[in-house]
Amino acid sequence: MIQLKKLFMMLFVGAMVVSCNDNDNNSGDETAKITEAQALLSAFATYGGTPYNVQNPTAYPAEADVSLKSVYGVSYKLRNYSTNPAGPIATFPLYKGVDTDGQVVDYIITEASDKEFAEAIGVSYAPRMANALPEGRQEVTIKDGIITFKGKVDFSGKRSVTAGTSNELPLTSFPPAAVTPGAQADAEWSSFCRLPSGVVINAQVMSNKTGVHDRIPHYGAIGEDNQSNPYLDKVKRRVSLQLLDGWRGGKRYFYHIVTESNDPGPASIELGYYAPRLSKLAVFGQFPEGCFLGFSPNANGPDVAGVNNQSNIMLSQGLNVGAKNNQQIDPVNCFPFGPKNLDYSPMWDAHISQWTLSAVNSNKVRIITGIDDLAGLVASGDVTNFIGNPATGPSSKLIAGLKPSGLLINCPAISQPESSAIGKEYGTVLKP
């Protein structure tokens, strides 16, 4: 009898584990998922990299609050155009893949839809990525740890942003009068890549034979697309990318990267590449359905930025700032939550806000410090929907009742350090 009870309990616990795994990891073959993760790490080591070790990850103190565990290091040293032009950066594992022509594709991975897979390679677990619609994601293959991508990205373009003027929207150079993305993806490319096991990963191209990503800091006389950039190491398989900061929960320094957008405008302003297929991933404004997560850029925030004055940069916010300065200064957007929340997604659905004319005339324009702050400003009538947001369609309860603009930005969250961490470096950072 005791043995039967023991057997029953073992079967019961086993069934519970399977059930929990199914809930955590969505659909797909469990063995194949781990096999794919291990193959990626093995190939990464074969080609010269030091793969993420779940048993011995980079140790970050609590003040750094690094959510993307596989990054080798982060630098929270603020931008100084004479001594530190790159500003805050993080260093990522640089995986090797190929395109359908057999050409090498260097890419990073920041999220996965499966918990065990994500933990194995040290990326953020984002289960809602599994909701990506087939027409928007990219089906890829993997052999011996090398992914073959169907889509391609052309980095040979020269990014430019020409400031706009608006009689309808006060205090703004946004929308820009003209933009040219620094890179453009073809119709097949999507960073939401579905592996044969069913796991969806967020894989973003950093370099190929056409050039390199614009989020890799420029260095001296080295041009935007130069493969010899010291922030890009194809021997040790790592790359450093500029971080953007944002506001979440009344705190600044919600650090993230931008890799691509479904529209040429934000792709140009935020140094990503233009990837039109992203628009097909899900329905805009949906939450928690679909695979998008709302956030809020502001169109006409305070603009006192002098590009060589860090204190003024810190007092500026808005898409108008980036548009006017040809993207020497990043917009500082507001975010609801980070990767610790299971509703997180790296594919951000922009709900653009704007200060009203009465707020501008009453000198009320200031930094918006988070979604709760935004909701209060919307309720008071000082901030409203951007004039470019569609007049019809859903309003987001998550994002202060604002409407989605139809603009997507792939911007994985990296960390949200405490103020005490600013100016410091942690781990190993690739830099000149």
Protein backbone atom coordinates (compact mmCIF):
# COMPACT_ATOMS: atom_id res chain seq x y z
CA MET A 1 0.00 0.00 0.00
CA ILE A 2 2.82 2.42 0.93
CA GLN A 3 4.57 1.69 -2.36
CA LEU A 4 1.35 2.29 -4.32
CA LYS A 5 0.79 5.59 -2.54
CA LYS A 6 4.39 6.55 -3.25
CA LEU A 7 3.98 5.68 -6.94
CA PHE A 8 0.72 7.63 -7.10
CA MET A 9 2.40 10.72 -5.61
CA MET A 10 5.27 10.48 -8.05
CA LEU A 11 2.87 10.29 -10.97
CA PHE A 12 0.83 13.17 -9.56
CA VAL A 13 3.88 15.41 -9.11
CA GLY A 14 5.13 14.50 -12.57
CA ALA A 15 1.78 15.43 -14.08
CA MET A 16 1.85 18.76 -12.23
CA VAL A 17 5.34 19.53 -13.53
CA VAL A 18 4.27 18.76 -17.09
CA SER A 19 1.20 20.91 -16.62
CA CYS A 20 3.24 23.81 -15.25
CA ASN A 21 5.73 23.48 -18.08
CA ASP A 22 2.93 23.61 -20.62
CA ASN A 23 1.60 26.79 -19.03
CA ASP A 24 5.01 28.40 -18.78
CA ASN A 25 6.34 27.45 -22.17
CA ASN A 26 3.32 27.51 -24.49
CA SER A 27 3.39 24.92 -27.26
CA GLY A 28 6.29 23.00 -28.73
CA ASP A 29 8.53 20.03 -28.14
CA GLU A 30 10.21 20.33 -24.73
CA THR A 31 13.27 18.25 -25.63
CA ALA A 32 13.75 20.10 -28.91
CA LYS A 33 13.68 23.46 -27.13
CA ILE A 34 16.54 22.60 -24.82
CA THR A 35 18.44 20.92 -27.66
CA GLU A 36 18.18 24.14 -29.69
CA ALA A 37 19.36 26.27 -26.77
CA GLN A 38 22.33 24.00 -26.13
CA ALA A 39 23.20 23.94 -29.83
CA LEU A 40 23.23 27.75 -29.98
CA LEU A 41 25.59 27.95 -27.00
CA SER A 42 27.83 25.21 -28.39
CA ALA A 43 28.13 26.89 -31.79
CA PHE A 44 28.75 30.23 -30.09
CA ALA A 45 31.74 28.69 -28.27
CA THR A 46 32.97 26.97 -31.43
CA TYR A 47 33.20 30.31 -33.22
CA GLY A 48 35.16 32.00 -30.44
CA GLY A 49 32.59 33.28 -27.97
CA THR A 50 32.27 32.73 -24.24
CA PRO A 51 28.74 31.40 -23.90
CA TYR A 52 26.38 32.31 -21.10
CA ASN A 53 26.72 29.96 -18.12
CA VAL A 54 23.54 29.72 -16.08
CA GLN A 55 25.60 28.29 -13.20
CA ASN A 56 28.07 31.17 -13.26
CA PRO A 57 26.52 34.30 -14.80
CA THR A 58 28.01 37.78 -14.60
CA ALA A 59 27.42 38.98 -11.04
CA TYR A 60 25.60 42.32 -10.96
CA PRO A 61 24.87 44.15 -7.70
CA ALA A 62 21.30 45.04 -6.82
CA GLU A 63 21.90 48.72 -7.64
CA ALA A 64 22.59 47.80 -11.29
CA ASP A 65 19.28 45.87 -11.62
CA VAL A 66 20.29 44.12 -14.86
CA SER A 67 17.37 42.09 -16.22
CA LEU A 68 19.11 40.71 -19.34
CA LYS A 69 21.43 38.22 -17.65
CA SER A 70 23.51 37.30 -20.70
CA VAL A 71 25.03 40.76 -21.18
CA TYR A 72 28.73 40.67 -20.33
CA GLY A 73 28.75 44.15 -18.85
CA VAL A 74 27.06 47.54 -18.68
CA SER A 75 28.47 51.04 -18.48
CA TYR A 76 26.25 53.68 -16.93
CA LYS A 77 28.64 56.51 -17.73
CA LEU A 78 26.60 59.35 -19.16
CA ARG A 79 27.34 60.89 -22.52
CA ASN A 80 30.04 63.49 -22.84
CA TYR A 81 30.74 64.34 -26.45
CA SER A 82 34.45 64.99 -25.88
CA THR A 83 35.34 62.14 -23.51
CA ASN A 84 32.49 59.59 -23.74
CA PRO A 85 30.51 60.15 -26.94
CA ALA A 86 28.84 56.73 -26.80
CA GLY A 87 27.16 57.31 -23.43
CA PRO A 88 25.71 54.30 -21.56
CA ILE A 89 26.36 50.98 -23.33
CA ALA A 90 25.89 47.26 -22.78
CA THR A 91 27.88 44.39 -24.29
CA PHE A 92 25.97 41.43 -25.77
CA PRO A 93 26.82 37.94 -27.07
CA LEU A 94 27.09 38.10 -30.87
CA TYR A 95 25.72 34.92 -32.44
CA LYS A 96 26.64 33.71 -35.91
CA GLY A 97 23.95 32.77 -38.44
CA VAL A 98 23.52 32.73 -42.20
CA ASP A 99 21.00 34.00 -44.72
CA THR A 100 19.52 31.96 -47.59
CA ASP A 101 22.53 32.88 -49.75
CA GLY A 102 24.91 31.43 -47.17
CA GLN A 103 26.21 34.87 -46.18
CA VAL A 104 27.17 35.35 -42.51
CA VAL A 105 24.67 37.20 -40.30
CA ASP A 106 25.83 38.43 -36.88
CA TYR A 107 22.92 38.81 -34.45
CA ILE A 108 21.92 39.09 -30.81
CA ILE A 109 19.08 37.42 -28.87
CA THR A 110 17.31 39.34 -26.12
CA GLU A 111 14.06 37.45 -25.38
CA ALA A 112 12.45 34.04 -25.83
CA SER A 113 8.86 32.82 -25.46
CA ASP A 114 9.93 29.70 -23.55
CA LYS A 115 11.04 29.87 -19.90
CA GLU A 116 13.62 27.05 -19.91
CA PHE A 117 15.08 28.21 -23.23
CA ALA A 118 15.32 31.80 -21.95
CA GLU A 119 17.00 30.72 -18.73
CA ALA A 120 19.47 28.48 -20.58
CA ILE A 121 20.85 31.26 -22.79
CA GLY A 122 20.33 34.13 -20.33
CA VAL A 123 17.66 36.18 -22.08
CA SER A 124 14.37 37.64 -20.84
CA TYR A 125 11.34 35.36 -20.70
CA ALA A 126 8.53 36.95 -22.70
CA PRO A 127 5.72 34.38 -23.14
CA ARG A 128 3.45 36.76 -25.05
CA MET A 129 5.87 36.60 -27.98
CA ALA A 130 4.34 33.19 -28.75
CA ASN A 131 1.16 35.07 -29.75
CA ALA A 132 2.92 36.56 -32.77
CA LEU A 133 0.81 35.98 -35.88
CA PRO A 134 2.40 33.73 -38.54
CA GLU A 135 2.24 36.43 -41.20
CA GLY A 136 4.38 38.73 -39.03
CA ARG A 137 6.98 36.39 -37.64
CA GLN A 138 9.89 34.73 -39.47
CA GLU A 139 10.15 30.95 -39.67
CA VAL A 140 13.81 29.96 -39.38
CA THR A 141 15.78 26.75 -39.41
CA ILE A 142 18.70 25.73 -37.22
CA LYS A 143 21.47 23.22 -37.89
CA ASP A 144 24.48 22.64 -35.63
CA GLY A 145 23.53 25.78 -33.71
CA ILE A 146 23.54 27.99 -36.82
CA ILE A 147 20.24 29.68 -37.68
CA THR A 148 19.35 30.27 -41.31
CA PHE A 149 17.22 33.40 -41.73
CA LYS A 150 14.83 33.84 -44.64
CA GLY A 151 14.82 37.61 -44.37
CA LYS A 152 17.68 40.06 -44.86
CA VAL A 153 18.69 43.52 -43.65
CA ASP A 154 20.58 46.01 -45.82
CA PHE A 155 22.80 48.31 -43.72
CA SER A 156 24.30 50.22 -46.63
CA GLY A 157 21.99 53.23 -46.33
CA LYS A 158 22.92 56.59 -44.77
CA ARG A 159 20.55 57.63 -42.00
CA SER A 160 19.21 61.18 -41.96
CA VAL A 161 16.47 63.12 -40.17
CA THR A 162 15.27 66.55 -41.29
CA ALA A 163 13.37 68.52 -38.67
CA GLY A 164 9.75 69.28 -39.42
CA THR A 165 7.56 72.26 -38.63
CA SER A 166 3.95 72.16 -37.47
CA ASN A 167 1.36 74.88 -37.14
CA GLU A 168 -0.98 72.45 -35.38
CA LEU A 169 1.41 71.12 -32.77
CA PRO A 170 3.27 73.63 -30.55
CA LEU A 171 6.93 73.28 -29.55
CA THR A 172 7.88 70.58 -31.98
CA SER A 173 10.06 69.52 -34.88
CA PHE A 174 8.12 66.26 -35.00
CA PRO A 175 6.99 64.71 -37.28
CA PRO A 176 10.19 65.18 -39.27
CA ALA A 177 9.99 66.75 -42.71
CA ALA A 178 12.02 63.88 -44.15
CA VAL A 179 13.71 60.71 -42.93
CA THR A 180 16.01 58.07 -44.36
CA PRO A 181 16.59 54.96 -42.24
CA GLY A 182 20.19 53.84 -41.95
CA ALA A 183 19.12 50.30 -42.81
CA GLN A 184 16.12 48.51 -44.26
CA ALA A 185 14.87 44.95 -43.99
CA ASP A 186 13.20 43.08 -46.84
CA ALA A 187 9.63 41.77 -46.81
CA GLU A 188 10.72 38.43 -45.28
CA TRP A 189 12.52 39.84 -42.26
CA SER A 190 11.05 39.82 -38.76
CA SER A 191 13.05 39.78 -35.56
CA PHE A 192 10.38 37.56 -33.98
CA CYS A 193 11.83 34.29 -35.26
CA ARG A 194 10.09 30.96 -34.71
CA LEU A 195 12.45 28.03 -34.29
CA PRO A 196 11.46 24.50 -35.41
CA SER A 197 10.67 23.62 -31.76
CA GLY A 198 8.05 26.37 -31.61
CA VAL A 199 10.09 28.78 -29.46
CA VAL A 200 9.87 32.39 -30.63
CA ILE A 201 13.06 34.38 -30.08
CA ASN A 202 13.80 38.06 -30.57
CA ALA A 203 16.84 37.91 -32.86
CA GLN A 204 18.20 41.20 -34.17
CA VAL A 205 20.84 41.57 -36.88
CA MET A 206 23.90 43.58 -35.87
CA SER A 207 26.07 43.17 -38.95
CA ASN A 208 26.38 41.42 -42.28
CA LYS A 209 28.28 42.02 -45.50
CA THR A 210 26.32 45.27 -46.13
CA GLY A 211 27.40 47.00 -42.92
CA VAL A 212 26.65 47.32 -39.20
CA HIS A 213 23.77 48.46 -37.00
CA ASP A 214 23.57 52.18 -36.18
CA ARG A 215 23.17 51.44 -32.44
CA ILE A 216 26.79 50.27 -32.43
CA PRO A 217 28.57 53.47 -31.33
CA HIS A 218 30.50 55.33 -33.97
CA TYR A 219 34.19 55.66 -33.30
CA GLY A 220 36.46 58.44 -34.52
CA ALA A 221 36.63 58.57 -38.28
CA ILE A 222 35.14 55.10 -38.63
CA GLY A 223 31.94 55.34 -40.65
CA GLU A 224 28.55 54.00 -39.67
CA ASP A 225 28.87 50.75 -41.60
CA ASN A 226 32.53 49.93 -41.02
CA GLN A 227 33.13 46.33 -39.93
CA SER A 228 36.31 47.32 -38.06
CA ASN A 229 34.39 49.29 -35.45
CA PRO A 230 36.05 48.48 -32.08
CA TYR A 231 32.63 48.10 -30.43
CA LEU A 232 32.07 45.06 -32.70
CA ASP A 233 34.25 42.01 -32.01
CA LYS A 234 33.62 39.12 -34.40
CA VAL A 235 36.54 37.12 -32.99
CA LYS A 236 35.37 36.95 -29.39
CA ARG A 237 31.76 37.24 -30.58
CA ARG A 238 30.50 40.29 -28.70
CA VAL A 239 29.07 43.71 -29.51
CA SER A 240 28.39 46.88 -27.54
CA LEU A 241 25.25 48.91 -28.18
CA GLN A 242 24.20 52.36 -27.05
CA LEU A 243 21.49 52.35 -24.39
CA LEU A 244 18.51 54.68 -24.33
CA ASP A 245 16.96 55.67 -21.03
CA GLY A 246 13.29 56.13 -20.20
CA TRP A 247 10.91 56.70 -17.30
CA ARG A 248 9.10 53.96 -15.41
CA GLY A 249 7.39 54.22 -12.05
CA GLY A 250 8.67 57.73 -11.35
CA LYS A 251 12.29 56.66 -11.88
CA ARG A 252 14.58 57.42 -14.79
CA TYR A 253 17.16 55.12 -16.34
CA PHE A 254 14.83 52.47 -17.75
CA TYR A 255 17.63 51.41 -20.07
CA HIS A 256 16.84 49.65 -23.33
CA ILE A 257 18.10 49.34 -26.89
CA VAL A 258 16.33 49.98 -30.18
CA THR A 259 16.93 47.58 -33.04
CA GLU A 260 14.14 48.18 -35.56
CA SER A 261 10.74 49.68 -36.28
CA ASN A 262 7.83 49.06 -38.63
CA ASP A 263 8.04 52.68 -39.84
CA PRO A 264 10.87 54.74 -41.39
CA GLY A 265 10.29 57.63 -38.96
CA PRO A 266 11.06 55.99 -35.61
CA ALA A 267 13.62 53.74 -37.31
CA SER A 268 15.53 56.86 -38.34
CA ILE A 269 15.06 58.87 -35.14
CA GLU A 270 15.98 55.99 -32.81
CA LEU A 271 18.80 54.45 -34.91
CA GLY A 272 17.00 51.24 -35.83
CA TYR A 273 16.35 49.62 -39.17
CA TYR A 274 13.05 49.76 -41.04
CA ALA A 275 11.29 46.37 -40.98
CA PRO A 276 7.77 46.64 -42.46
CA ARG A 277 6.79 43.03 -41.72
CA LEU A 278 6.58 43.81 -38.00
CA SER A 279 3.20 45.47 -38.62
CA LYS A 280 1.70 42.03 -39.21
CA LEU A 281 2.71 40.56 -35.84
CA ALA A 282 -0.49 41.49 -34.01
CA VAL A 283 -3.37 43.98 -33.80
CA PHE A 284 -2.35 47.44 -32.58
CA GLY A 285 -3.69 48.52 -29.21
CA GLN A 286 -4.44 45.00 -28.03
CA PHE A 287 -3.48 44.08 -24.47
CA PRO A 288 -3.02 41.56 -22.98
CA GLU A 289 -3.95 39.79 -26.21
CA GLY A 290 -1.42 39.75 -28.99
CA CYS A 291 2.32 40.24 -28.64
CA PHE A 292 2.63 44.04 -28.37
CA LEU A 293 3.09 46.11 -25.21
CA GLY A 294 2.02 49.74 -25.07
CA PHE A 295 4.36 52.59 -24.13
CA SER A 296 4.19 56.35 -24.57
CA PRO A 297 6.58 58.65 -26.40
CA ASN A 298 5.79 62.34 -26.18
CA ALA A 299 5.72 64.49 -29.30
CA ASN A 300 6.46 67.95 -27.91
CA GLY A 301 8.16 67.62 -24.53
CA PRO A 302 10.65 70.07 -23.03
CA ASP A 303 13.54 70.82 -25.36
CA VAL A 304 16.42 72.60 -23.69
CA ALA A 305 19.05 70.24 -25.00
CA GLY A 306 22.38 71.50 -26.12
CA VAL A 307 24.16 68.47 -27.52
CA ASN A 308 27.32 69.20 -25.52
CA ASN A 309 25.52 69.95 -22.28
CA GLN A 310 24.64 66.81 -20.32
CA SER A 311 22.58 68.66 -17.70
CA ASN A 312 20.37 70.15 -20.41
CA ILE A 313 20.03 66.79 -22.14
CA MET A 314 18.69 65.35 -18.89
CA LEU A 315 16.00 68.05 -18.81
CA SER A 316 14.72 67.26 -22.30
CA GLN A 317 12.10 64.77 -23.44
CA GLY A 318 10.23 64.19 -26.66
CA LEU A 319 10.35 63.02 -30.23
CA ASN A 320 10.80 66.67 -31.17
CA VAL A 321 14.24 66.64 -29.53
CA GLY A 322 15.52 63.72 -31.58
CA ALA A 323 14.00 65.07 -34.79
CA LYS A 324 15.54 68.52 -34.37
CA ASN A 325 19.02 67.32 -33.48
CA ASN A 326 19.25 64.73 -36.26
CA GLN A 327 19.21 62.06 -33.52
CA GLN A 328 22.18 63.21 -31.54
CA ILE A 329 19.83 63.01 -28.53
CA ASP A 330 17.42 60.14 -27.90
CA PRO A 331 13.76 60.62 -26.98
CA VAL A 332 13.01 59.74 -23.35
CA ASN A 333 9.80 57.70 -23.35
CA CYS A 334 7.50 56.34 -20.61
CA PHE A 335 7.11 52.61 -19.98
CA PRO A 336 4.60 50.61 -17.87
CA PHE A 337 6.78 47.72 -16.67
CA GLY A 338 9.82 45.60 -17.46
CA PRO A 339 10.77 41.96 -18.10
CA LYS A 340 9.98 40.77 -14.57
CA ASN A 341 6.30 41.09 -15.49
CA LEU A 342 5.01 38.16 -17.59
CA ASP A 343 2.96 40.58 -19.71
CA TYR A 344 6.20 42.15 -20.93
CA SER A 345 7.03 42.18 -24.63
CA PRO A 346 10.00 43.81 -26.36
CA MET A 347 7.73 44.88 -29.25
CA TRP A 348 6.46 48.24 -28.03
CA ASP A 349 3.22 49.69 -29.41
CA ALA A 350 3.60 53.49 -29.39
CA HIS A 351 0.76 55.52 -27.88
CA ILE A 352 2.09 59.02 -28.57
CA SER A 353 1.07 61.88 -26.29
CA GLN A 354 1.30 65.63 -26.77
CA TRP A 355 1.09 68.65 -24.51
CA THR A 356 -1.95 70.78 -25.32
CA LEU A 357 -1.65 74.37 -26.51
CA SER A 358 -3.11 75.62 -23.24
CA ALA A 359 -0.50 73.64 -21.28
CA VAL A 360 2.27 75.09 -23.44
CA ASN A 361 0.96 78.64 -23.04
CA SER A 362 0.65 78.12 -19.27
CA ASN A 363 4.28 76.91 -19.00
CA LYS A 364 3.19 73.51 -17.72
CA VAL A 365 5.41 71.50 -20.04
CA ARG A 366 7.81 69.30 -18.04
CA ILE A 367 9.30 65.81 -17.91
CA ILE A 368 6.63 63.07 -17.72
CA THR A 369 7.96 60.57 -15.20
CA GLY A 370 5.94 57.44 -15.93
CA ILE A 371 2.59 56.03 -16.95
CA ASP A 372 0.87 57.04 -13.70
CA ASP A 373 2.13 60.60 -14.11
CA LEU A 374 0.94 60.54 -17.72
CA ALA A 375 -2.53 59.38 -16.65
CA GLY A 376 -2.80 62.30 -14.24
CA LEU A 377 -1.81 64.78 -16.94
CA VAL A 378 -4.33 63.30 -19.36
CA ALA A 379 -7.05 63.50 -16.70
CA SER A 380 -6.22 67.17 -16.03
CA GLY A 381 -6.41 68.01 -19.74
CA ASP A 382 -2.76 69.08 -20.03
CA VAL A 383 -1.75 66.12 -22.19
CA THR A 384 -3.77 64.39 -24.89
CA ASN A 385 -3.51 62.10 -27.90
CA PHE A 386 -0.95 63.13 -30.51
CA ILE A 387 -2.65 64.69 -33.52
CA GLY A 388 -1.22 61.91 -35.68
CA ASN A 389 -2.84 59.09 -33.68
CA PRO A 390 -5.88 57.61 -35.44
CA ALA A 391 -9.15 59.26 -34.40
CA THR A 392 -10.87 55.88 -34.27
CA GLY A 393 -9.78 52.57 -32.80
CA PRO A 394 -9.11 51.23 -29.31
CA SER A 395 -8.01 53.33 -26.37
CA SER A 396 -5.49 51.71 -24.04
CA LYS A 397 -6.43 51.43 -20.37
CA LEU A 398 -2.78 50.55 -19.72
CA ILE A 399 -1.46 53.73 -21.39
CA ALA A 400 -3.67 56.46 -19.88
CA GLY A 401 -6.51 55.93 -22.35
CA LEU A 402 -4.38 57.00 -25.33
CA LYS A 403 -4.80 55.49 -28.79
CA PRO A 404 -2.12 53.49 -30.60
CA SER A 405 -0.25 55.37 -33.30
CA GLY A 406 0.43 52.30 -35.45
CA LEU A 407 4.16 52.67 -34.81
CA LEU A 408 6.15 49.76 -33.38
CA ILE A 409 9.63 49.80 -31.91
CA ASN A 410 11.60 46.70 -31.00
CA CYS A 411 13.34 47.92 -27.85
CA PRO A 412 14.35 45.19 -25.40
CA ALA A 413 14.71 46.30 -21.78
CA ILE A 414 18.20 45.80 -20.33
CA SER A 415 18.12 47.27 -16.81
CA GLN A 416 16.78 50.02 -14.56
CA PRO A 417 19.63 50.91 -12.23
CA GLU A 418 19.38 53.05 -9.14
CA SER A 419 20.74 56.58 -9.35
CA SER A 420 23.70 55.42 -7.26
CA ALA A 421 24.82 53.22 -10.17
CA ILE A 422 25.03 56.07 -12.67
CA GLY A 423 28.61 56.77 -13.67
CA LYS A 424 29.77 53.24 -12.87
CA GLU A 425 30.62 50.15 -14.93
CA TYR A 426 29.82 46.54 -14.12
CA GLY A 427 31.07 43.31 -15.66
CA THR A 428 33.14 43.34 -18.85
CA VAL A 429 32.31 46.09 -21.34
CA LEU A 430 33.63 46.03 -24.92
CA LYS A 431 34.89 49.49 -25.81
CA PRO A 432 37.92 51.08 -27.52
